[in-house]
């Protein structure tokens, strides 16, 4: 019985001894643990870069729209309307968003509109004119863009969409 036991135990002991001395497979095991984490970190970095790039692109469109308004310096209502039309065309072509009328764009849209301020009041209003006729009226043009960004990890049920809201206001008169 002892000899039968020895014939079974010795090969198993040799195999275990060989396995314990051989560290070549440990690299494979370590890689199996670390690789998914490294891949996730890399993809997260790439996705964060894409989000940053889109936000920067929208901010650049808004800044360029403000430059168009400032360089045209509209003095009359017709010049102002032509400048706003030019800004709408530029913003839509550059950003890929849809231009809408009004002051509250939905996600994926751009609104370009005027606002007015009476005297030194901090509040801006949609209608031209002041209750006190002695106050001066300041005219502003507002560019407001909204867009959703869905990161790749949303496909796995992690996190939620990001909403970019870029709003720029410039005084023209």
Protein backbone atom coordinates (compact mmCIF):
# COMPACT_ATOMS: atom_id res chain seq x y z
CA UNK A 1 0.00 0.00 0.00
CA UNK A 2 2.84 2.34 0.84
CA UNK A 3 4.52 1.70 -2.48
CA UNK A 4 1.30 2.40 -4.38
CA UNK A 5 0.93 5.60 -2.43
CA UNK A 6 4.52 6.57 -3.23
CA UNK A 7 3.97 6.02 -6.95
CA UNK A 8 1.05 8.40 -6.90
CA UNK A 9 2.48 11.02 -4.54
CA UNK A 10 6.00 11.29 -6.03
CA UNK A 11 4.90 12.43 -9.53
CA UNK A 12 2.45 14.87 -8.00
CA UNK A 13 5.15 16.17 -5.65
CA UNK A 14 7.59 16.56 -8.57
CA UNK A 15 4.95 18.36 -10.61
CA UNK A 16 4.13 20.68 -7.70
CA UNK A 17 7.83 21.30 -7.11
CA UNK A 18 8.37 22.11 -10.79
CA UNK A 19 5.34 24.40 -10.81
CA UNK A 20 6.48 26.26 -7.70
CA UNK A 21 10.02 26.73 -9.03
CA UNK A 22 8.94 27.85 -12.51
CA UNK A 23 8.04 31.55 -12.39
CA UNK A 24 7.57 31.99 -16.16
CA UNK A 25 3.76 31.85 -15.87
CA UNK A 26 3.65 34.50 -13.15
CA UNK A 27 4.16 37.23 -15.75
CA UNK A 28 1.13 36.01 -17.65
CA UNK A 29 -0.98 36.01 -14.52
CA UNK A 30 0.19 39.49 -13.50
CA UNK A 31 -0.55 40.78 -16.99
CA UNK A 32 -4.02 39.26 -16.86
CA UNK A 33 -4.72 41.26 -13.70
CA UNK A 34 -3.13 44.56 -14.76
CA UNK A 35 -4.01 44.76 -18.48
CA UNK A 36 -7.75 45.49 -18.06
CA UNK A 37 -6.97 48.32 -15.65
CA UNK A 38 -4.38 49.82 -18.00
CA UNK A 39 -6.75 49.54 -20.96
CA UNK A 40 -9.56 51.22 -18.97
CA UNK A 41 -7.26 54.07 -17.91
CA UNK A 42 -6.06 54.56 -21.49
CA UNK A 43 -9.57 54.60 -22.95
CA UNK A 44 -10.72 56.95 -20.19
CA UNK A 45 -7.91 59.34 -21.03
CA UNK A 46 -8.76 59.26 -24.72
CA UNK A 47 -12.44 59.88 -23.95
CA UNK A 48 -11.64 62.74 -21.56
CA UNK A 49 -9.51 64.28 -24.31
CA UNK A 50 -12.40 64.02 -26.77
CA UNK A 51 -14.77 65.71 -24.29
CA UNK A 52 -12.28 68.49 -23.67
CA UNK A 53 -11.75 68.96 -27.41
CA UNK A 54 -15.50 69.31 -28.08
CA UNK A 55 -15.97 71.79 -25.24
CA UNK A 56 -13.01 73.81 -26.51
CA UNK A 57 -14.40 73.71 -30.05
CA UNK A 58 -17.76 75.12 -28.90
CA UNK A 59 -16.03 77.84 -26.89
CA UNK A 60 -13.92 78.76 -29.92
CA UNK A 61 -17.03 79.01 -32.11
CA UNK A 62 -18.62 81.34 -29.53
CA UNK A 63 -15.47 83.48 -29.32
CA UNK A 64 -15.23 83.75 -33.10
CA UNK A 65 -18.91 84.70 -33.26
CA UNK A 66 -18.22 87.50 -30.79
CA UNK A 67 -15.32 88.66 -32.98
CA UNK A 68 -17.61 88.76 -36.02
CA UNK A 69 -20.07 90.91 -34.09
CA UNK A 70 -17.41 93.25 -32.73
CA UNK A 71 -15.63 93.72 -36.05
CA UNK A 72 -18.85 94.44 -37.95
CA UNK A 73 -19.93 96.99 -35.28
CA UNK A 74 -23.54 97.27 -36.46
CA UNK A 75 -24.96 100.77 -36.01
CA UNK A 76 -28.42 100.37 -37.49
CA UNK A 77 -31.11 97.75 -37.00
CA UNK A 78 -30.54 96.44 -40.57
CA UNK A 79 -26.79 96.09 -39.99
CA UNK A 80 -27.52 94.31 -36.71
CA UNK A 81 -29.89 91.87 -38.41
CA UNK A 82 -27.33 91.19 -41.15
CA UNK A 83 -24.60 90.60 -38.55
CA UNK A 84 -26.80 88.22 -36.56
CA UNK A 85 -27.63 86.31 -39.75
CA UNK A 86 -23.90 86.05 -40.52
CA UNK A 87 -23.15 84.82 -36.99
CA UNK A 88 -25.93 82.22 -37.20
CA UNK A 89 -24.59 80.94 -40.52
CA UNK A 90 -21.02 80.77 -39.21
CA UNK A 91 -21.97 79.09 -35.92
CA UNK A 92 -24.13 76.45 -37.61
CA UNK A 93 -21.50 75.62 -40.22
CA UNK A 94 -18.64 75.46 -37.72
CA UNK A 95 -20.28 73.71 -34.79
CA UNK A 96 -22.59 71.30 -36.60
CA UNK A 97 -25.51 72.42 -34.41
CA UNK A 98 -28.91 73.59 -35.63
CA UNK A 99 -29.77 77.29 -35.37
CA UNK A 100 -33.13 78.13 -33.79
CA UNK A 101 -34.98 81.35 -33.12
CA UNK A 102 -35.70 82.38 -29.57
CA UNK A 103 -33.47 82.51 -26.54
CA UNK A 104 -33.65 78.97 -25.17
CA UNK A 105 -32.10 76.41 -27.49
CA UNK A 106 -32.67 72.72 -26.91
CA UNK A 107 -29.79 70.28 -26.80
CA UNK A 108 -27.99 70.26 -30.16
CA UNK A 109 -29.07 73.80 -31.03
CA UNK A 110 -27.74 77.38 -31.17
CA UNK A 111 -29.65 80.56 -30.45
CA UNK A 112 -28.38 84.03 -31.43
CA UNK A 113 -30.54 86.85 -30.11
CA UNK A 114 -30.56 90.44 -28.83
CA UNK A 115 -31.08 91.69 -25.30
CA UNK A 116 -31.48 95.26 -24.05
CA UNK A 117 -30.58 97.01 -20.80
CA UNK A 118 -31.97 100.28 -19.49
CA UNK A 119 -29.47 102.64 -17.91
CA UNK A 120 -27.20 100.91 -15.43
CA UNK A 121 -29.76 98.24 -14.50
CA UNK A 122 -28.09 94.83 -14.23
CA UNK A 123 -31.11 93.02 -15.70
CA UNK A 124 -31.39 92.56 -19.45
CA UNK A 125 -34.74 92.46 -21.16
CA UNK A 126 -36.03 90.99 -24.40
CA UNK A 127 -37.98 94.07 -25.49
CA UNK A 128 -36.49 97.32 -26.71
CA UNK A 129 -37.42 100.40 -24.67
CA UNK A 130 -37.31 101.70 -21.11
CA UNK A 131 -40.08 102.84 -18.79
CA UNK A 132 -37.96 105.87 -17.92
CA UNK A 133 -37.35 107.60 -21.23
CA UNK A 134 -34.33 109.50 -19.90
CA UNK A 135 -32.36 106.25 -19.49
CA UNK A 136 -30.00 105.11 -22.21
CA UNK A 137 -30.61 101.75 -23.84
CA UNK A 138 -27.70 99.32 -24.29
CA UNK A 139 -27.96 96.56 -26.89
CA UNK A 140 -26.36 93.13 -26.48
CA UNK A 141 -26.05 90.10 -28.74
CA UNK A 142 -26.07 86.67 -27.08
CA UNK A 143 -24.79 83.42 -28.59
CA UNK A 144 -26.03 80.37 -26.66
CA UNK A 145 -25.09 76.79 -27.65
CA UNK A 146 -26.19 73.55 -26.01
CA UNK A 147 -24.96 70.05 -26.82
CA UNK A 148 -24.93 66.63 -25.18
CA UNK A 149 -21.84 64.44 -25.15
CA UNK A 150 -22.24 60.73 -24.52
CA UNK A 151 -18.97 59.17 -23.31
CA UNK A 152 -18.12 55.64 -24.43
CA UNK A 153 -18.54 54.28 -20.90
CA UNK A 154 -22.27 55.10 -21.13
CA UNK A 155 -22.50 52.00 -23.35
CA UNK A 156 -21.64 49.97 -20.24
CA UNK A 157 -24.15 51.74 -17.99
CA UNK A 158 -21.55 53.84 -16.20
CA UNK A 159 -22.14 57.55 -15.58
CA UNK A 160 -24.40 59.81 -17.59
CA UNK A 161 -24.31 62.14 -20.59
CA UNK A 162 -22.58 65.49 -20.22
CA UNK A 163 -24.28 68.68 -21.33
CA UNK A 164 -22.20 71.51 -22.71
CA UNK A 165 -23.71 75.00 -22.33
CA UNK A 166 -21.66 77.76 -23.93
CA UNK A 167 -23.03 81.27 -23.70
CA UNK A 168 -21.32 84.50 -24.76
CA UNK A 169 -22.70 88.04 -24.60
CA UNK A 170 -21.28 91.15 -26.24
CA UNK A 171 -22.49 94.73 -26.10
CA UNK A 172 -22.94 96.36 -29.50
CA UNK A 173 -24.63 99.64 -28.65
